[in-house]
Amino acid sequence: MTKEEIVKKIKYGLELSSELPDLEFKTARQNVPNDIWRTISAFANRKGGGLVVFGVSQESNSVVGCQNLDLMQTKLTEYFNNKMSFVLRPEYHVIEYENKTILAVYIPECPKDY
């Protein structure tokens, strides 16, 4: 996904005050939630994959931003490399949105054989 596509999808989700079938917001600002595997697994098994955006609160429908981006990316990469039965290669995008830094992670669809 391109940065423009990601920003457009985030904007659309915020306008609707809702997540989408291929978009999930995570308030997580400092670290990756323990239950992130549920989202990763769901998007990996969805046609076309999906986008997880850290630093956006679904509850308040607002951008809260992220800190500790290096730690978050490291933990996500470790999860993708060590916990999945098929190694997926996510796309990480650090984006400035509403003057706050957010982390968008595109999770590709897993091949049908897995």
N, C-alpha and C. Protein backbone atom coordinates (compact mmCIF):
# COMPACT_ATOMS: atom_id res chain seq x y z
N MET A 1 0.84 -1.18 0.00
CA MET A 1 0.00 0.00 0.00
C MET A 1 0.89 1.24 0.00
N THR A 2 0.45 2.25 -0.68
CA THR A 2 1.18 3.51 -0.68
C THR A 2 0.75 4.36 0.52
N LYS A 3 1.57 5.33 0.86
CA LYS A 3 1.24 6.24 1.95
C LYS A 3 -0.08 6.93 1.69
N GLU A 4 -0.31 7.33 0.45
CA GLU A 4 -1.55 8.02 0.10
C GLU A 4 -2.77 7.12 0.31
N GLU A 5 -2.66 5.86 -0.06
CA GLU A 5 -3.76 4.91 0.14
C GLU A 5 -4.04 4.71 1.63
N ILE A 6 -2.97 4.64 2.41
CA ILE A 6 -3.13 4.45 3.85
C ILE A 6 -3.81 5.66 4.48
N VAL A 7 -3.34 6.84 4.16
CA VAL A 7 -3.94 8.06 4.72
C VAL A 7 -5.41 8.17 4.32
N LYS A 8 -5.72 7.84 3.09
CA LYS A 8 -7.11 7.88 2.62
C LYS A 8 -7.98 6.91 3.41
N LYS A 9 -7.48 5.70 3.65
CA LYS A 9 -8.23 4.69 4.40
C LYS A 9 -8.43 5.11 5.85
N ILE A 10 -7.38 5.67 6.47
CA ILE A 10 -7.50 6.15 7.85
C ILE A 10 -8.53 7.26 7.93
N LYS A 11 -8.43 8.21 7.02
CA LYS A 11 -9.37 9.33 7.01
C LYS A 11 -10.81 8.84 6.87
N TYR A 12 -11.02 7.87 5.98
CA TYR A 12 -12.35 7.32 5.76
C TYR A 12 -12.86 6.63 7.03
N GLY A 13 -12.01 5.84 7.69
CA GLY A 13 -12.41 5.17 8.93
C GLY A 13 -12.76 6.17 10.02
N LEU A 14 -11.98 7.24 10.12
CA LEU A 14 -12.27 8.26 11.13
C LEU A 14 -13.56 9.01 10.80
N GLU A 15 -13.79 9.28 9.52
CA GLU A 15 -15.04 9.96 9.13
C GLU A 15 -16.26 9.11 9.48
N LEU A 16 -16.14 7.80 9.32
CA LEU A 16 -17.24 6.90 9.64
C LEU A 16 -17.34 6.60 11.14
N SER A 17 -16.31 7.01 11.88
CA SER A 17 -16.20 6.65 13.30
C SER A 17 -16.26 5.14 13.47
N SER A 18 -15.55 4.44 12.58
CA SER A 18 -15.63 2.99 12.59
C SER A 18 -14.40 2.38 11.94
N GLU A 19 -14.09 1.19 12.39
CA GLU A 19 -13.09 0.40 11.69
C GLU A 19 -13.78 -0.20 10.46
N LEU A 20 -12.98 -0.78 9.59
CA LEU A 20 -13.50 -1.38 8.37
C LEU A 20 -13.08 -2.84 8.33
N PRO A 21 -13.62 -3.64 7.42
CA PRO A 21 -13.21 -5.05 7.36
C PRO A 21 -11.70 -5.24 7.17
N ASP A 22 -11.05 -4.26 6.55
CA ASP A 22 -9.61 -4.37 6.31
C ASP A 22 -8.82 -3.27 7.02
N LEU A 23 -9.39 -2.69 8.08
CA LEU A 23 -8.74 -1.63 8.84
C LEU A 23 -9.07 -1.77 10.31
N GLU A 24 -8.03 -1.78 11.14
CA GLU A 24 -8.25 -1.83 12.59
C GLU A 24 -7.37 -0.79 13.26
N PHE A 25 -7.98 -0.02 14.15
CA PHE A 25 -7.26 0.99 14.92
C PHE A 25 -6.85 0.40 16.26
N LYS A 26 -5.64 0.74 16.69
CA LYS A 26 -5.14 0.35 18.01
C LYS A 26 -4.63 1.60 18.71
N THR A 27 -5.11 1.84 19.91
CA THR A 27 -4.69 3.00 20.67
C THR A 27 -3.21 2.90 21.06
N ALA A 28 -2.69 1.71 21.14
CA ALA A 28 -1.32 1.45 21.60
C ALA A 28 -0.35 2.56 21.23
N ARG A 29 0.25 3.14 22.25
CA ARG A 29 1.17 4.26 22.01
C ARG A 29 2.60 3.88 22.32
N GLN A 30 2.81 2.98 23.26
CA GLN A 30 4.15 2.64 23.73
C GLN A 30 4.60 1.24 23.34
N ASN A 31 3.64 0.35 23.12
CA ASN A 31 3.97 -1.05 22.93
C ASN A 31 2.88 -1.73 22.10
N VAL A 32 3.16 -2.94 21.67
CA VAL A 32 2.20 -3.72 20.89
C VAL A 32 1.29 -4.48 21.86
N PRO A 33 -0.02 -4.44 21.66
CA PRO A 33 -0.93 -5.17 22.56
C PRO A 33 -0.66 -6.69 22.53
N ASN A 34 -0.87 -7.35 23.66
CA ASN A 34 -0.64 -8.79 23.74
C ASN A 34 -1.53 -9.59 22.79
N ASP A 35 -2.71 -9.06 22.49
CA ASP A 35 -3.65 -9.80 21.63
C ASP A 35 -3.51 -9.44 20.15
N ILE A 36 -2.39 -8.84 19.77
CA ILE A 36 -2.22 -8.42 18.37
C ILE A 36 -2.27 -9.62 17.42
N TRP A 37 -1.94 -10.81 17.91
CA TRP A 37 -1.95 -12.00 17.06
C TRP A 37 -3.34 -12.24 16.47
N ARG A 38 -4.39 -11.86 17.18
CA ARG A 38 -5.76 -12.06 16.65
C ARG A 38 -5.97 -11.23 15.38
N THR A 39 -5.54 -9.99 15.43
CA THR A 39 -5.69 -9.11 14.28
C THR A 39 -4.81 -9.57 13.13
N ILE A 40 -3.56 -9.90 13.44
CA ILE A 40 -2.64 -10.36 12.40
C ILE A 40 -3.18 -11.61 11.73
N SER A 41 -3.63 -12.56 12.52
CA SER A 41 -4.16 -13.80 11.97
C SER A 41 -5.40 -13.55 11.11
N ALA A 42 -6.29 -12.69 11.59
CA ALA A 42 -7.51 -12.39 10.83
C ALA A 42 -7.17 -11.75 9.49
N PHE A 43 -6.28 -10.77 9.48
CA PHE A 43 -5.93 -10.11 8.23
C PHE A 43 -5.12 -11.02 7.31
N ALA A 44 -4.27 -11.86 7.87
CA ALA A 44 -3.49 -12.79 7.04
C ALA A 44 -4.39 -13.80 6.35
N ASN A 45 -5.53 -14.08 6.96
CA ASN A 45 -6.48 -15.04 6.38
C ASN A 45 -7.61 -14.35 5.62
N ARG A 46 -7.50 -13.06 5.40
CA ARG A 46 -8.50 -12.29 4.66
C ARG A 46 -7.98 -11.99 3.26
N LYS A 47 -8.83 -12.14 2.28
CA LYS A 47 -8.43 -11.82 0.91
C LYS A 47 -7.98 -10.36 0.84
N GLY A 48 -6.77 -10.14 0.40
CA GLY A 48 -6.24 -8.79 0.31
C GLY A 48 -5.53 -8.29 1.55
N GLY A 49 -5.56 -9.07 2.64
CA GLY A 49 -4.89 -8.67 3.87
C GLY A 49 -5.62 -7.53 4.57
N GLY A 50 -4.88 -6.74 5.35
CA GLY A 50 -5.51 -5.64 6.07
C GLY A 50 -4.48 -4.70 6.67
N LEU A 51 -4.97 -3.63 7.23
CA LEU A 51 -4.13 -2.55 7.77
C LEU A 51 -4.42 -2.35 9.25
N VAL A 52 -3.38 -2.41 10.07
CA VAL A 52 -3.48 -2.10 11.50
C VAL A 52 -2.81 -0.76 11.70
N VAL A 53 -3.49 0.15 12.38
CA VAL A 53 -2.94 1.48 12.61
C VAL A 53 -2.81 1.70 14.12
N PHE A 54 -1.58 1.84 14.57
CA PHE A 54 -1.29 2.10 15.97
C PHE A 54 -1.23 3.61 16.19
N GLY A 55 -1.85 4.05 17.27
CA GLY A 55 -1.86 5.48 17.59
C GLY A 55 -3.16 6.16 17.22
N VAL A 56 -4.20 5.35 16.97
CA VAL A 56 -5.54 5.89 16.69
C VAL A 56 -6.51 5.20 17.64
N SER A 57 -7.25 5.99 18.39
CA SER A 57 -8.21 5.45 19.35
C SER A 57 -9.57 5.31 18.69
N GLN A 58 -10.08 4.08 18.66
CA GLN A 58 -11.42 3.87 18.13
C GLN A 58 -12.46 4.41 19.12
N GLU A 59 -12.17 4.31 20.41
CA GLU A 59 -13.13 4.76 21.43
C GLU A 59 -13.42 6.25 21.31
N SER A 60 -12.35 7.04 21.17
CA SER A 60 -12.55 8.49 21.07
C SER A 60 -12.55 8.98 19.63
N ASN A 61 -12.34 8.05 18.69
CA ASN A 61 -12.30 8.38 17.27
C ASN A 61 -11.32 9.53 17.00
N SER A 62 -10.11 9.36 17.55
CA SER A 62 -9.12 10.42 17.40
C SER A 62 -7.71 9.84 17.27
N VAL A 63 -6.83 10.64 16.72
CA VAL A 63 -5.43 10.27 16.58
C VAL A 63 -4.72 10.65 17.87
N VAL A 64 -4.11 9.67 18.53
CA VAL A 64 -3.41 9.92 19.79
C VAL A 64 -1.90 9.86 19.61
N GLY A 65 -1.44 9.27 18.53
CA GLY A 65 -0.01 9.19 18.23
C GLY A 65 0.67 8.02 18.91
N CYS A 66 1.89 7.76 18.45
CA CYS A 66 2.72 6.65 18.98
C CYS A 66 4.06 7.18 19.43
N GLN A 67 4.63 6.48 20.39
CA GLN A 67 6.00 6.68 20.81
C GLN A 67 6.63 5.30 20.78
N ASN A 68 7.94 5.23 20.88
CA ASN A 68 8.60 3.92 20.93
C ASN A 68 8.39 3.12 19.65
N LEU A 69 8.45 3.78 18.52
CA LEU A 69 8.20 3.12 17.24
C LEU A 69 9.19 1.99 16.96
N ASP A 70 10.45 2.18 17.33
CA ASP A 70 11.45 1.13 17.09
C ASP A 70 11.09 -0.15 17.85
N LEU A 71 10.71 0.00 19.11
CA LEU A 71 10.33 -1.16 19.91
C LEU A 71 9.10 -1.84 19.32
N MET A 72 8.12 -1.06 18.91
CA MET A 72 6.89 -1.63 18.34
C MET A 72 7.20 -2.41 17.06
N GLN A 73 8.01 -1.83 16.19
CA GLN A 73 8.36 -2.52 14.94
C GLN A 73 9.16 -3.78 15.22
N THR A 74 10.08 -3.72 16.18
CA THR A 74 10.88 -4.89 16.53
C THR A 74 10.00 -6.02 17.04
N LYS A 75 9.07 -5.69 17.95
CA LYS A 75 8.18 -6.72 18.50
C LYS A 75 7.28 -7.32 17.42
N LEU A 76 6.77 -6.48 16.54
CA LEU A 76 5.93 -6.98 15.45
C LEU A 76 6.73 -7.88 14.51
N THR A 77 7.93 -7.48 14.17
CA THR A 77 8.78 -8.29 13.30
C THR A 77 9.09 -9.63 13.94
N GLU A 78 9.40 -9.63 15.23
CA GLU A 78 9.65 -10.89 15.95
C GLU A 78 8.41 -11.78 15.90
N TYR A 79 7.25 -11.18 16.07
CA TYR A 79 6.02 -11.98 16.01
C TYR A 79 5.85 -12.60 14.63
N PHE A 80 6.00 -11.79 13.59
CA PHE A 80 5.85 -12.30 12.22
C PHE A 80 6.86 -13.39 11.92
N ASN A 81 8.09 -13.25 12.42
CA ASN A 81 9.14 -14.22 12.12
C ASN A 81 9.07 -15.48 12.97
N ASN A 82 8.62 -15.38 14.21
CA ASN A 82 8.72 -16.49 15.14
C ASN A 82 7.41 -17.16 15.50
N LYS A 83 6.29 -16.49 15.33
CA LYS A 83 5.02 -17.04 15.81
C LYS A 83 4.09 -17.52 14.70
N MET A 84 4.32 -17.08 13.50
CA MET A 84 3.43 -17.45 12.40
C MET A 84 3.94 -18.75 11.75
N SER A 85 3.02 -19.60 11.31
CA SER A 85 3.42 -20.83 10.64
C SER A 85 3.98 -20.55 9.25
N PHE A 86 3.63 -19.40 8.70
CA PHE A 86 4.18 -18.95 7.42
C PHE A 86 4.72 -17.55 7.66
N VAL A 87 5.96 -17.30 7.29
CA VAL A 87 6.56 -15.99 7.53
C VAL A 87 5.98 -14.98 6.55
N LEU A 88 5.28 -13.99 7.10
CA LEU A 88 4.73 -12.90 6.30
C LEU A 88 5.67 -11.71 6.36
N ARG A 89 5.65 -10.92 5.33
CA ARG A 89 6.48 -9.71 5.29
C ARG A 89 5.57 -8.49 5.30
N PRO A 90 5.30 -7.95 6.48
CA PRO A 90 4.43 -6.78 6.57
C PRO A 90 5.14 -5.54 6.02
N GLU A 91 4.35 -4.54 5.71
CA GLU A 91 4.88 -3.24 5.30
C GLU A 91 4.66 -2.27 6.44
N TYR A 92 5.74 -1.65 6.91
CA TYR A 92 5.65 -0.67 7.98
C TYR A 92 5.67 0.74 7.39
N HIS A 93 4.78 1.58 7.86
CA HIS A 93 4.70 2.97 7.41
C HIS A 93 4.58 3.87 8.62
N VAL A 94 5.59 4.72 8.84
CA VAL A 94 5.53 5.72 9.89
C VAL A 94 4.98 6.99 9.22
N ILE A 95 3.86 7.46 9.73
CA ILE A 95 3.13 8.55 9.07
C ILE A 95 2.85 9.67 10.06
N GLU A 96 3.03 10.88 9.61
CA GLU A 96 2.61 12.06 10.37
C GLU A 96 1.16 12.35 9.97
N TYR A 97 0.27 12.31 10.95
CA TYR A 97 -1.16 12.52 10.67
C TYR A 97 -1.70 13.40 11.78
N GLU A 98 -2.31 14.50 11.42
CA GLU A 98 -2.83 15.47 12.39
C GLU A 98 -1.75 15.86 13.40
N ASN A 99 -0.55 16.09 12.90
CA ASN A 99 0.60 16.51 13.71
C ASN A 99 1.02 15.49 14.76
N LYS A 100 0.68 14.23 14.55
CA LYS A 100 1.08 13.16 15.45
C LYS A 100 1.66 12.02 14.60
N THR A 101 2.57 11.27 15.20
CA THR A 101 3.19 10.15 14.50
C THR A 101 2.41 8.88 14.80
N ILE A 102 2.03 8.19 13.74
CA ILE A 102 1.33 6.91 13.88
C ILE A 102 2.09 5.84 13.11
N LEU A 103 1.85 4.59 13.45
CA LEU A 103 2.47 3.46 12.78
C LEU A 103 1.38 2.65 12.10
N ALA A 104 1.46 2.57 10.78
CA ALA A 104 0.51 1.77 10.01
C ALA A 104 1.24 0.53 9.51
N VAL A 105 0.63 -0.62 9.70
CA VAL A 105 1.25 -1.88 9.29
C VAL A 105 0.29 -2.61 8.37
N TYR A 106 0.72 -2.78 7.12
CA TYR A 106 -0.09 -3.55 6.17
C TYR A 106 0.30 -5.02 6.32
N ILE A 107 -0.69 -5.85 6.58
CA ILE A 107 -0.49 -7.29 6.73
C ILE A 107 -0.99 -7.97 5.46
N PRO A 108 -0.09 -8.59 4.70
CA PRO A 108 -0.50 -9.22 3.45
C PRO A 108 -1.28 -10.51 3.69
N GLU A 109 -2.02 -10.89 2.69
CA GLU A 109 -2.75 -12.15 2.72
C GLU A 109 -1.76 -13.31 2.69
N CYS A 110 -2.02 -14.32 3.50
CA CYS A 110 -1.20 -15.52 3.53
C CYS A 110 -1.53 -16.38 2.32
N PRO A 111 -0.54 -17.04 1.72
CA PRO A 111 -0.84 -17.93 0.59
C PRO A 111 -1.86 -19.00 0.98
N LYS A 112 -2.62 -19.44 0.02
CA LYS A 112 -3.72 -20.38 0.27
C LYS A 112 -3.25 -21.72 0.85
N ASP A 113 -2.00 -22.08 0.65
CA ASP A 113 -1.49 -23.38 1.11
C ASP A 113 -1.29 -23.45 2.61
N TYR A 114 -1.43 -22.30 3.32
CA TYR A 114 -1.16 -22.28 4.76
C TYR A 114 -2.39 -22.03 5.56
